[in-house]
Amino acid sequence: MKKYEIMYIINPTVLEEGREALIAEVNELLQTNGATIAKTEKWGERKLAYPIEKKKSGFYVLTTFEIDGVKLAEVEAKLNIIESIMRYIVVKLD
């Protein structure tokens, strides 16, 4: 299993309870695909470098985890369906 980080931006219109539920949903998605989550950091609402869907800010979350590379494709396919996540990026750690 290799270490990865995922940074995702939640739509700023999602309320705090919805954000917590969405973060739990992403963590559960990772765990059901065999990931071991090391930590999840909530960076808070920040200004975007450029507008996404006419939004100028977003709520940033960073999660560090270990997962088999084959399962990562399944996770990314499901992340693409979640409408409240504006953008995400997965980075492999050394």
PDB file of N, CA and C in Angstrom:
ATOM      1  N   MET A   1       0.853  -1.184   0.000  1.00  0.00           N
ATOM      2  CA  MET A   1       0.000   0.000   0.000  1.00  0.00           C
ATOM      3  C   MET A   1       0.894   1.241   0.000  1.00  0.00           C
ATOM      4  N   LYS A   2       0.463   2.223  -0.757  1.00  0.00           N
ATOM      5  CA  LYS A   2       1.237   3.451  -0.888  1.00  0.00           C
ATOM      6  C   LYS A   2       0.504   4.611  -0.229  1.00  0.00           C
ATOM      7  N   LYS A   3       1.280   5.618   0.152  1.00  0.00           N
ATOM      8  CA  LYS A   3       0.694   6.789   0.813  1.00  0.00           C
ATOM      9  C   LYS A   3       0.271   7.826  -0.219  1.00  0.00           C
ATOM     10  N   TYR A   4      -0.905   8.409   0.024  1.00  0.00           N
ATOM     11  CA  TYR A   4      -1.456   9.444  -0.838  1.00  0.00           C
ATOM     12  C   TYR A   4      -2.044  10.566   0.009  1.00  0.00           C
ATOM     13  N   GLU A   5      -2.218  11.714  -0.639  1.00  0.00           N
ATOM     14  CA  GLU A   5      -2.960  12.832  -0.053  1.00  0.00           C
ATOM     15  C   GLU A   5      -4.052  13.207  -1.041  1.00  0.00           C
ATOM     16  N   ILE A   6      -5.208  13.537  -0.497  1.00  0.00           N
ATOM     17  CA  ILE A   6      -6.261  14.091  -1.346  1.00  0.00           C
ATOM     18  C   ILE A   6      -6.649  15.450  -0.775  1.00  0.00           C
ATOM     19  N   MET A   7      -6.635  16.436  -1.651  1.00  0.00           N
ATOM     20  CA  MET A   7      -7.102  17.774  -1.287  1.00  0.00           C
ATOM     21  C   MET A   7      -8.349  18.009  -2.100  1.00  0.00           C
ATOM     22  N   TYR A   8      -9.436  18.344  -1.413  1.00  0.00           N
ATOM     23  CA  TYR A   8     -10.663  18.644  -2.146  1.00  0.00           C
ATOM     24  C   TYR A   8     -11.289  19.932  -1.640  1.00  0.00           C
ATOM     25  N   ILE A   9     -12.034  20.573  -2.537  1.00  0.00           N
ATOM     26  CA  ILE A   9     -12.669  21.855  -2.249  1.00  0.00           C
ATOM     27  C   ILE A   9     -14.176  21.636  -2.247  1.00  0.00           C
ATOM     28  N   ILE A  10     -14.791  21.949  -1.110  1.00  0.00           N
ATOM     29  CA  ILE A  10     -16.239  21.809  -0.962  1.00  0.00           C
ATOM     30  C   ILE A  10     -16.903  23.133  -1.333  1.00  0.00           C
ATOM     31  N   ASN A  11     -18.016  23.039  -2.027  1.00  0.00           N
ATOM     32  CA  ASN A  11     -18.795  24.207  -2.426  1.00  0.00           C
ATOM     33  C   ASN A  11     -19.105  25.071  -1.194  1.00  0.00           C
ATOM     34  N   PRO A  12     -18.876  26.385  -1.253  1.00  0.00           N
ATOM     35  CA  PRO A  12     -19.091  27.245  -0.076  1.00  0.00           C
ATOM     36  C   PRO A  12     -20.562  27.381   0.337  1.00  0.00           C
ATOM     37  N   THR A  13     -21.496  26.985  -0.515  1.00  0.00           N
ATOM     38  CA  THR A  13     -22.912  27.078  -0.163  1.00  0.00           C
ATOM     39  C   THR A  13     -23.345  25.945   0.770  1.00  0.00           C
ATOM     40  N   VAL A  14     -22.504  24.924   0.923  1.00  0.00           N
ATOM     41  CA  VAL A  14     -22.821  23.808   1.823  1.00  0.00           C
ATOM     42  C   VAL A  14     -22.633  24.280   3.264  1.00  0.00           C
ATOM     43  N   LEU A  15     -23.645  24.081   4.095  1.00  0.00           N
ATOM     44  CA  LEU A  15     -23.574  24.511   5.489  1.00  0.00           C
ATOM     45  C   LEU A  15     -22.656  23.605   6.291  1.00  0.00           C
ATOM     46  N   GLU A  16     -22.322  24.030   7.525  1.00  0.00           N
ATOM     47  CA  GLU A  16     -21.339  23.305   8.331  1.00  0.00           C
ATOM     48  C   GLU A  16     -21.733  21.846   8.582  1.00  0.00           C
ATOM     49  N   GLU A  17     -23.023  21.584   8.872  1.00  0.00           N
ATOM     50  CA  GLU A  17     -23.446  20.203   9.111  1.00  0.00           C
ATOM     51  C   GLU A  17     -23.262  19.366   7.837  1.00  0.00           C
ATOM     52  N   GLY A  18     -23.564  19.975   6.716  1.00  0.00           N
ATOM     53  CA  GLY A  18     -23.404  19.297   5.429  1.00  0.00           C
ATOM     54  C   GLY A  18     -21.943  19.022   5.111  1.00  0.00           C
ATOM     55  N   ARG A  19     -21.078  19.974   5.485  1.00  0.00           N
ATOM     56  CA  ARG A  19     -19.635  19.778   5.273  1.00  0.00           C
ATOM     57  C   ARG A  19     -19.123  18.601   6.079  1.00  0.00           C
ATOM     58  N   GLU A  20     -19.530  18.529   7.358  1.00  0.00           N
ATOM     59  CA  GLU A  20     -19.102  17.427   8.228  1.00  0.00           C
ATOM     60  C   GLU A  20     -19.572  16.092   7.650  1.00  0.00           C
ATOM     61  N   ALA A  21     -20.812  16.061   7.160  1.00  0.00           N
ATOM     62  CA  ALA A  21     -21.352  14.834   6.573  1.00  0.00           C
ATOM     63  C   ALA A  21     -20.592  14.465   5.303  1.00  0.00           C
ATOM     64  N   LEU A  22     -20.225  15.466   4.498  1.00  0.00           N
ATOM     65  CA  LEU A  22     -19.496  15.216   3.262  1.00  0.00           C
ATOM     66  C   LEU A  22     -18.081  14.705   3.545  1.00  0.00           C
ATOM     67  N   ILE A  23     -17.423  15.283   4.537  1.00  0.00           N
ATOM     68  CA  ILE A  23     -16.089  14.822   4.932  1.00  0.00           C
ATOM     69  C   ILE A  23     -16.159  13.380   5.422  1.00  0.00           C
ATOM     70  N   ALA A  24     -17.185  13.066   6.223  1.00  0.00           N
ATOM     71  CA  ALA A  24     -17.380  11.690   6.704  1.00  0.00           C
ATOM     72  C   ALA A  24     -17.660  10.756   5.526  1.00  0.00           C
ATOM     73  N   GLU A  25     -18.421  11.233   4.537  1.00  0.00           N
ATOM     74  CA  GLU A  25     -18.743  10.420   3.358  1.00  0.00           C
ATOM     75  C   GLU A  25     -17.481  10.092   2.555  1.00  0.00           C
ATOM     76  N   VAL A  26     -16.615  11.087   2.362  1.00  0.00           N
ATOM     77  CA  VAL A  26     -15.366  10.859   1.625  1.00  0.00           C
ATOM     78  C   VAL A  26     -14.468   9.895   2.398  1.00  0.00           C
ATOM     79  N   ASN A  27     -14.363  10.085   3.714  1.00  0.00           N
ATOM     80  CA  ASN A  27     -13.538   9.182   4.526  1.00  0.00           C
ATOM     81  C   ASN A  27     -14.086   7.753   4.479  1.00  0.00           C
ATOM     82  N   GLU A  28     -15.405   7.609   4.532  1.00  0.00           N
ATOM     83  CA  GLU A  28     -16.003   6.275   4.466  1.00  0.00           C
ATOM     84  C   GLU A  28     -15.788   5.648   3.088  1.00  0.00           C
ATOM     85  N   LEU A  29     -15.859   6.473   2.045  1.00  0.00           N
ATOM     86  CA  LEU A  29     -15.589   5.990   0.687  1.00  0.00           C
ATOM     87  C   LEU A  29     -14.168   5.433   0.592  1.00  0.00           C
ATOM     88  N   LEU A  30     -13.224   6.145   1.178  1.00  0.00           N
ATOM     89  CA  LEU A  30     -11.837   5.673   1.181  1.00  0.00           C
ATOM     90  C   LEU A  30     -11.714   4.367   1.957  1.00  0.00           C
ATOM     91  N   GLN A  31     -12.322   4.311   3.143  1.00  0.00           N
ATOM     92  CA  GLN A  31     -12.201   3.132   3.991  1.00  0.00           C
ATOM     93  C   GLN A  31     -12.877   1.900   3.380  1.00  0.00           C
ATOM     94  N   THR A  32     -13.999   2.076   2.716  1.00  0.00           N
ATOM     95  CA  THR A  32     -14.674   0.929   2.100  1.00  0.00           C
ATOM     96  C   THR A  32     -13.865   0.369   0.935  1.00  0.00           C
ATOM     97  N   ASN A  33     -12.976   1.175   0.379  1.00  0.00           N
ATOM     98  CA  ASN A  33     -12.100   0.701  -0.693  1.00  0.00           C
ATOM     99  C   ASN A  33     -10.740   0.258  -0.169  1.00  0.00           C
ATOM    100  N   GLY A  34     -10.640   0.059   1.144  1.00  0.00           N
ATOM    101  CA  GLY A  34      -9.427  -0.513   1.730  1.00  0.00           C
ATOM    102  C   GLY A  34      -8.376   0.481   2.170  1.00  0.00           C
ATOM    103  N   ALA A  35      -8.717   1.750   2.250  1.00  0.00           N
ATOM    104  CA  ALA A  35      -7.734   2.754   2.658  1.00  0.00           C
ATOM    105  C   ALA A  35      -7.627   2.831   4.181  1.00  0.00           C
ATOM    106  N   THR A  36      -6.438   3.182   4.636  1.00  0.00           N
ATOM    107  CA  THR A  36      -6.208   3.465   6.044  1.00  0.00           C
ATOM    108  C   THR A  36      -5.952   4.966   6.144  1.00  0.00           C
ATOM    109  N   ILE A  37      -6.842   5.688   6.821  1.00  0.00           N
ATOM    110  CA  ILE A  37      -6.730   7.143   6.905  1.00  0.00           C
ATOM    111  C   ILE A  37      -5.806   7.520   8.054  1.00  0.00           C
ATOM    112  N   ALA A  38      -4.768   8.304   7.742  1.00  0.00           N
ATOM    113  CA  ALA A  38      -3.824   8.758   8.755  1.00  0.00           C
ATOM    114  C   ALA A  38      -4.354  10.009   9.459  1.00  0.00           C
ATOM    115  N   LYS A  39      -4.804  10.999   8.672  1.00  0.00           N
ATOM    116  CA  LYS A  39      -5.349  12.224   9.277  1.00  0.00           C
ATOM    117  C   LYS A  39      -6.178  12.992   8.255  1.00  0.00           C
ATOM    118  N   THR A  40      -7.090  13.802   8.784  1.00  0.00           N
ATOM    119  CA  THR A  40      -7.920  14.691   7.967  1.00  0.00           C
ATOM    120  C   THR A  40      -7.815  16.087   8.560  1.00  0.00           C
ATOM    121  N   GLU A  41      -7.394  17.038   7.747  1.00  0.00           N
ATOM    122  CA  GLU A  41      -7.251  18.425   8.200  1.00  0.00           C
ATOM    123  C   GLU A  41      -8.272  19.298   7.474  1.00  0.00           C
ATOM    124  N   LYS A  42      -8.999  20.093   8.242  1.00  0.00           N
ATOM    125  CA  LYS A  42      -9.928  21.061   7.654  1.00  0.00           C
ATOM    126  C   LYS A  42      -9.212  22.399   7.607  1.00  0.00           C
ATOM    127  N   TRP A  43      -8.938  22.874   6.412  1.00  0.00           N
ATOM    128  CA  TRP A  43      -8.221  24.130   6.256  1.00  0.00           C
ATOM    129  C   TRP A  43      -9.151  25.335   6.301  1.00  0.00           C
ATOM    130  N   GLY A  44     -10.431  25.109   6.165  1.00  0.00           N
ATOM    131  CA  GLY A  44     -11.387  26.202   6.241  1.00  0.00           C
ATOM    132  C   GLY A  44     -11.662  26.825   4.885  1.00  0.00           C
ATOM    133  N   GLU A  45     -12.476  27.876   4.918  1.00  0.00           N
ATOM    134  CA  GLU A  45     -12.863  28.545   3.676  1.00  0.00           C
ATOM    135  C   GLU A  45     -11.758  29.499   3.246  1.00  0.00           C
ATOM    136  N   ARG A  46     -11.379  29.381   1.985  1.00  0.00           N
ATOM    137  CA  ARG A  46     -10.316  30.215   1.430  1.00  0.00           C
ATOM    138  C   ARG A  46     -10.734  30.733   0.053  1.00  0.00           C
ATOM    139  N   LYS A  47     -10.088  31.812  -0.344  1.00  0.00           N
ATOM    140  CA  LYS A  47     -10.340  32.401  -1.652  1.00  0.00           C
ATOM    141  C   LYS A  47      -9.704  31.519  -2.721  1.00  0.00           C
ATOM    142  N   LEU A  48     -10.415  31.319  -3.812  1.00  0.00           N
ATOM    143  CA  LEU A  48      -9.901  30.528  -4.926  1.00  0.00           C
ATOM    144  C   LEU A  48      -9.013  31.392  -5.821  1.00  0.00           C
ATOM    145  N   ALA A  49      -8.069  30.759  -6.499  1.00  0.00           N
ATOM    146  CA  ALA A  49      -7.189  31.485  -7.413  1.00  0.00           C
ATOM    147  C   ALA A  49      -7.973  31.990  -8.628  1.00  0.00           C
ATOM    148  N   TYR A  50      -8.999  31.247  -9.014  1.00  0.00           N
ATOM    149  CA  TYR A  50      -9.870  31.643 -10.121  1.00  0.00           C
ATOM    150  C   TYR A  50     -11.267  31.108  -9.826  1.00  0.00           C
ATOM    151  N   PRO A  51     -12.298  31.759 -10.347  1.00  0.00           N
ATOM    152  CA  PRO A  51     -13.666  31.301 -10.057  1.00  0.00           C
ATOM    153  C   PRO A  51     -13.942  29.903 -10.611  1.00  0.00           C
ATOM    154  N   ILE A  52     -14.631  29.098  -9.810  1.00  0.00           N
ATOM    155  CA  ILE A  52     -15.086  27.775 -10.233  1.00  0.00           C
ATOM    156  C   ILE A  52     -16.601  27.782 -10.065  1.00  0.00           C
ATOM    157  N   GLU A  53     -17.322  27.527 -11.146  1.00  0.00           N
ATOM    158  CA  GLU A  53     -18.780  27.541 -11.120  1.00  0.00           C
ATOM    159  C   GLU A  53     -19.316  28.859 -10.544  1.00  0.00           C
ATOM    160  N   LYS A  54     -18.666  29.953 -10.897  1.00  0.00           N
ATOM    161  CA  LYS A  54     -19.008  31.316 -10.454  1.00  0.00           C
ATOM    162  C   LYS A  54     -18.839  31.520  -8.944  1.00  0.00           C
ATOM    163  N   LYS A  55     -18.110  30.642  -8.273  1.00  0.00           N
ATOM    164  CA  LYS A  55     -17.831  30.772  -6.836  1.00  0.00           C
ATOM    165  C   LYS A  55     -16.401  31.314  -6.681  1.00  0.00           C
ATOM    166  N   LYS A  56     -16.214  32.211  -5.733  1.00  0.00           N
ATOM    167  CA  LYS A  56     -14.896  32.808  -5.523  1.00  0.00           C
ATOM    168  C   LYS A  56     -14.170  32.244  -4.312  1.00  0.00           C
ATOM    169  N   SER A  57     -14.847  31.368  -3.537  1.00  0.00           N
ATOM    170  CA  SER A  57     -14.198  30.751  -2.376  1.00  0.00           C
ATOM    171  C   SER A  57     -14.666  29.309  -2.265  1.00  0.00           C
ATOM    172  N   GLY A  58     -13.973  28.552  -1.410  1.00  0.00           N
ATOM    173  CA  GLY A  58     -14.328  27.154  -1.192  1.00  0.00           C
ATOM    174  C   GLY A  58     -13.752  26.688   0.130  1.00  0.00           C
ATOM    175  N   PHE A  59     -14.288  25.596   0.652  1.00  0.00           N
ATOM    176  CA  PHE A  59     -13.834  25.024   1.921  1.00  0.00           C
ATOM    177  C   PHE A  59     -12.852  23.900   1.604  1.00  0.00           C
ATOM    178  N   TYR A  60     -11.602  24.072   2.038  1.00  0.00           N
ATOM    179  CA  TYR A  60     -10.536  23.123   1.713  1.00  0.00           C
ATOM    180  C   TYR A  60     -10.397  22.047   2.782  1.00  0.00           C
ATOM    181  N   VAL A  61     -10.195  20.791   2.326  1.00  0.00           N
ATOM    182  CA  VAL A  61      -9.962  19.654   3.230  1.00  0.00           C
ATOM    183  C   VAL A  61      -8.803  18.840   2.670  1.00  0.00           C
ATOM    184  N   LEU A  62      -7.883  18.441   3.555  1.00  0.00           N
ATOM    185  CA  LEU A  62      -6.733  17.628   3.178  1.00  0.00           C
ATOM    186  C   LEU A  62      -6.762  16.339   3.988  1.00  0.00           C
ATOM    187  N   THR A  63      -6.716  15.192   3.295  1.00  0.00           N
ATOM    188  CA  THR A  63      -6.721  13.888   3.961  1.00  0.00           C
ATOM    189  C   THR A  63      -5.515  13.089   3.496  1.00  0.00           C
ATOM    190  N   THR A  64      -4.779  12.520   4.447  1.00  0.00           N
ATOM    191  CA  THR A  64      -3.637  11.659   4.160  1.00  0.00           C
ATOM    192  C   THR A  64      -4.062  10.220   4.427  1.00  0.00           C
ATOM    193  N   PHE A  65      -3.738   9.305   3.494  1.00  0.00           N
ATOM    194  CA  PHE A  65      -4.182   7.924   3.637  1.00  0.00           C
ATOM    195  C   PHE A  65      -3.260   6.977   2.888  1.00  0.00           C
ATOM    196  N   GLU A  66      -3.408   5.679   3.171  1.00  0.00           N
ATOM    197  CA  GLU A  66      -2.700   4.627   2.451  1.00  0.00           C
ATOM    198  C   GLU A  66      -3.735   3.756   1.754  1.00  0.00           C
ATOM    199  N   ILE A  67      -3.466   3.414   0.487  1.00  0.00           N
ATOM    200  CA  ILE A  67      -4.406   2.595  -0.280  1.00  0.00           C
ATOM    201  C   ILE A  67      -3.654   1.873  -1.390  1.00  0.00           C
ATOM    202  N   ASP A  68      -4.215   0.771  -1.847  1.00  0.00           N
ATOM    203  CA  ASP A  68      -3.690   0.059  -3.001  1.00  0.00           C
ATOM    204  C   ASP A  68      -4.005   0.892  -4.243  1.00  0.00           C
ATOM    205  N   GLY A  69      -3.038   1.058  -5.130  1.00  0.00           N
ATOM    206  CA  GLY A  69      -3.205   1.916  -6.306  1.00  0.00           C
ATOM    207  C   GLY A  69      -4.356   1.514  -7.209  1.00  0.00           C
ATOM    208  N   VAL A  70      -4.675   0.219  -7.264  1.00  0.00           N
ATOM    209  CA  VAL A  70      -5.772  -0.255  -8.121  1.00  0.00           C
ATOM    210  C   VAL A  70      -7.109   0.270  -7.613  1.00  0.00           C
ATOM    211  N   LYS A  71      -7.292   0.317  -6.308  1.00  0.00           N
ATOM    212  CA  LYS A  71      -8.550   0.782  -5.713  1.00  0.00           C
ATOM    213  C   LYS A  71      -8.734   2.290  -5.840  1.00  0.00           C
ATOM    214  N   LEU A  72      -7.640   3.019  -6.039  1.00  0.00           N
ATOM    215  CA  LEU A  72      -7.701   4.478  -6.111  1.00  0.00           C
ATOM    216  C   LEU A  72      -8.554   4.941  -7.297  1.00  0.00           C
ATOM    217  N   ALA A  73      -8.516   4.219  -8.396  1.00  0.00           N
ATOM    218  CA  ALA A  73      -9.322   4.580  -9.571  1.00  0.00           C
ATOM    219  C   ALA A  73     -10.811   4.516  -9.248  1.00  0.00           C
ATOM    220  N   GLU A  74     -11.224   3.524  -8.448  1.00  0.00           N
ATOM    221  CA  GLU A  74     -12.635   3.411  -8.046  1.00  0.00           C
ATOM    222  C   GLU A  74     -13.046   4.598  -7.177  1.00  0.00           C
ATOM    223  N   VAL A  75     -12.150   4.988  -6.274  1.00  0.00           N
ATOM    224  CA  VAL A  75     -12.429   6.130  -5.389  1.00  0.00           C
ATOM    225  C   VAL A  75     -12.608   7.395  -6.222  1.00  0.00           C
ATOM    226  N   GLU A  76     -11.705   7.627  -7.174  1.00  0.00           N
ATOM    227  CA  GLU A  76     -11.786   8.835  -8.004  1.00  0.00           C
ATOM    228  C   GLU A  76     -13.055   8.848  -8.856  1.00  0.00           C
ATOM    229  N   ALA A  77     -13.471   7.698  -9.336  1.00  0.00           N
ATOM    230  CA  ALA A  77     -14.699   7.632 -10.141  1.00  0.00           C
ATOM    231  C   ALA A  77     -15.907   8.046  -9.308  1.00  0.00           C
ATOM    232  N   LYS A  78     -15.942   7.647  -8.041  1.00  0.00           N
ATOM    233  CA  LYS A  78     -17.056   8.014  -7.172  1.00  0.00           C
ATOM    234  C   LYS A  78     -16.974   9.467  -6.728  1.00  0.00           C
ATOM    235  N   LEU A  79     -15.755  10.006  -6.575  1.00  0.00           N
ATOM    236  CA  LEU A  79     -15.600  11.413  -6.204  1.00  0.00           C
ATOM    237  C   LEU A  79     -16.105  12.335  -7.312  1.00  0.00           C
ATOM    238  N   ASN A  80     -15.975  11.907  -8.548  1.00  0.00           N
ATOM    239  CA  ASN A  80     -16.447  12.718  -9.677  1.00  0.00           C
ATOM    240  C   ASN A  80     -17.959  12.897  -9.654  1.00  0.00           C
ATOM    241  N   ILE A  81     -18.677  11.993  -9.021  1.00  0.00           N
ATOM    242  CA  ILE A  81     -20.141  12.041  -8.989  1.00  0.00           C
ATOM    243  C   ILE A  81     -20.659  12.997  -7.907  1.00  0.00           C
ATOM    244  N   ILE A  82     -19.886  13.211  -6.844  1.00  0.00           N
ATOM    245  CA  ILE A  82     -20.335  14.045  -5.719  1.00  0.00           C
ATOM    246  C   ILE A  82     -20.359  15.512  -6.162  1.00  0.00           C
ATOM    247  N   GLU A  83     -21.544  16.088  -6.207  1.00  0.00           N
ATOM    248  CA  GLU A  83     -21.709  17.449  -6.732  1.00  0.00           C
ATOM    249  C   GLU A  83     -21.159  18.533  -5.814  1.00  0.00           C
ATOM    250  N   SER A  84     -21.134  18.293  -4.509  1.00  0.00           N
ATOM    251  CA  SER A  84     -20.686  19.315  -3.566  1.00  0.00           C
ATOM    252  C   SER A  84     -19.182  19.515  -3.578  1.00  0.00           C
ATOM    253  N   ILE A  85     -18.441  18.575  -4.192  1.00  0.00           N
ATOM    254  CA  ILE A  85     -16.988  18.729  -4.307  1.00  0.00           C
ATOM    255  C   ILE A  85     -16.700  19.413  -5.640  1.00  0.00           C
ATOM    256  N   MET A  86     -16.160  20.637  -5.553  1.00  0.00           N
ATOM    257  CA  MET A  86     -15.911  21.422  -6.759  1.00  0.00           C
ATOM    258  C   MET A  86     -14.679  20.923  -7.505  1.00  0.00           C
ATOM    259  N   ARG A  87     -13.608  20.647  -6.776  1.00  0.00           N
ATOM    260  CA  ARG A  87     -12.367  20.133  -7.354  1.00  0.00           C
ATOM    261  C   ARG A  87     -11.694  19.220  -6.333  1.00  0.00           C
ATOM    262  N   TYR A  88     -10.861  18.302  -6.837  1.00  0.00           N
ATOM    263  CA  TYR A  88     -10.036  17.487  -5.958  1.00  0.00           C
ATOM    264  C   TYR A  88      -8.767  17.097  -6.701  1.00  0.00           C
ATOM    265  N   ILE A  89      -7.742  16.776  -5.927  1.00  0.00           N
ATOM    266  CA  ILE A  89      -6.500  16.272  -6.508  1.00  0.00           C
ATOM    267  C   ILE A  89      -5.928  15.237  -5.562  1.00  0.00           C
ATOM    268  N   VAL A  90      -5.448  14.148  -6.129  1.00  0.00           N
ATOM    269  CA  VAL A  90      -4.816  13.084  -5.346  1.00  0.00           C
ATOM    270  C   VAL A  90      -3.327  13.089  -5.713  1.00  0.00           C
ATOM    271  N   VAL A  91      -2.481  13.128  -4.683  1.00  0.00           N
ATOM    272  CA  VAL A  91      -1.032  13.181  -4.876  1.00  0.00           C
ATOM    273  C   VAL A  91      -0.386  12.015  -4.133  1.00  0.00           C
ATOM    274  N   LYS A  92       0.523  11.324  -4.821  1.00  0.00           N
ATOM    275  CA  LYS A  92       1.262  10.217  -4.198  1.00  0.00           C
ATOM    276  C   LYS A  92       2.417  10.788  -3.391  1.00  0.00           C
ATOM    277  N   LEU A  93       2.563  10.331  -2.149  1.00  0.00           N
ATOM    278  CA  LEU A  93       3.645  10.790  -1.290  1.00  0.00           C
ATOM    279  C   LEU A  93       4.826   9.826  -1.377  1.00  0.00           C
ATOM    280  N   ASP A  94       6.033  10.351  -1.218  1.00  0.00           N
ATOM    281  CA  ASP A  94       7.224   9.496  -1.205  1.00  0.00           C
ATOM    282  C   ASP A  94       7.491   8.935   0.157  1.00  0.00           C
TER     283      ASP A  94
END
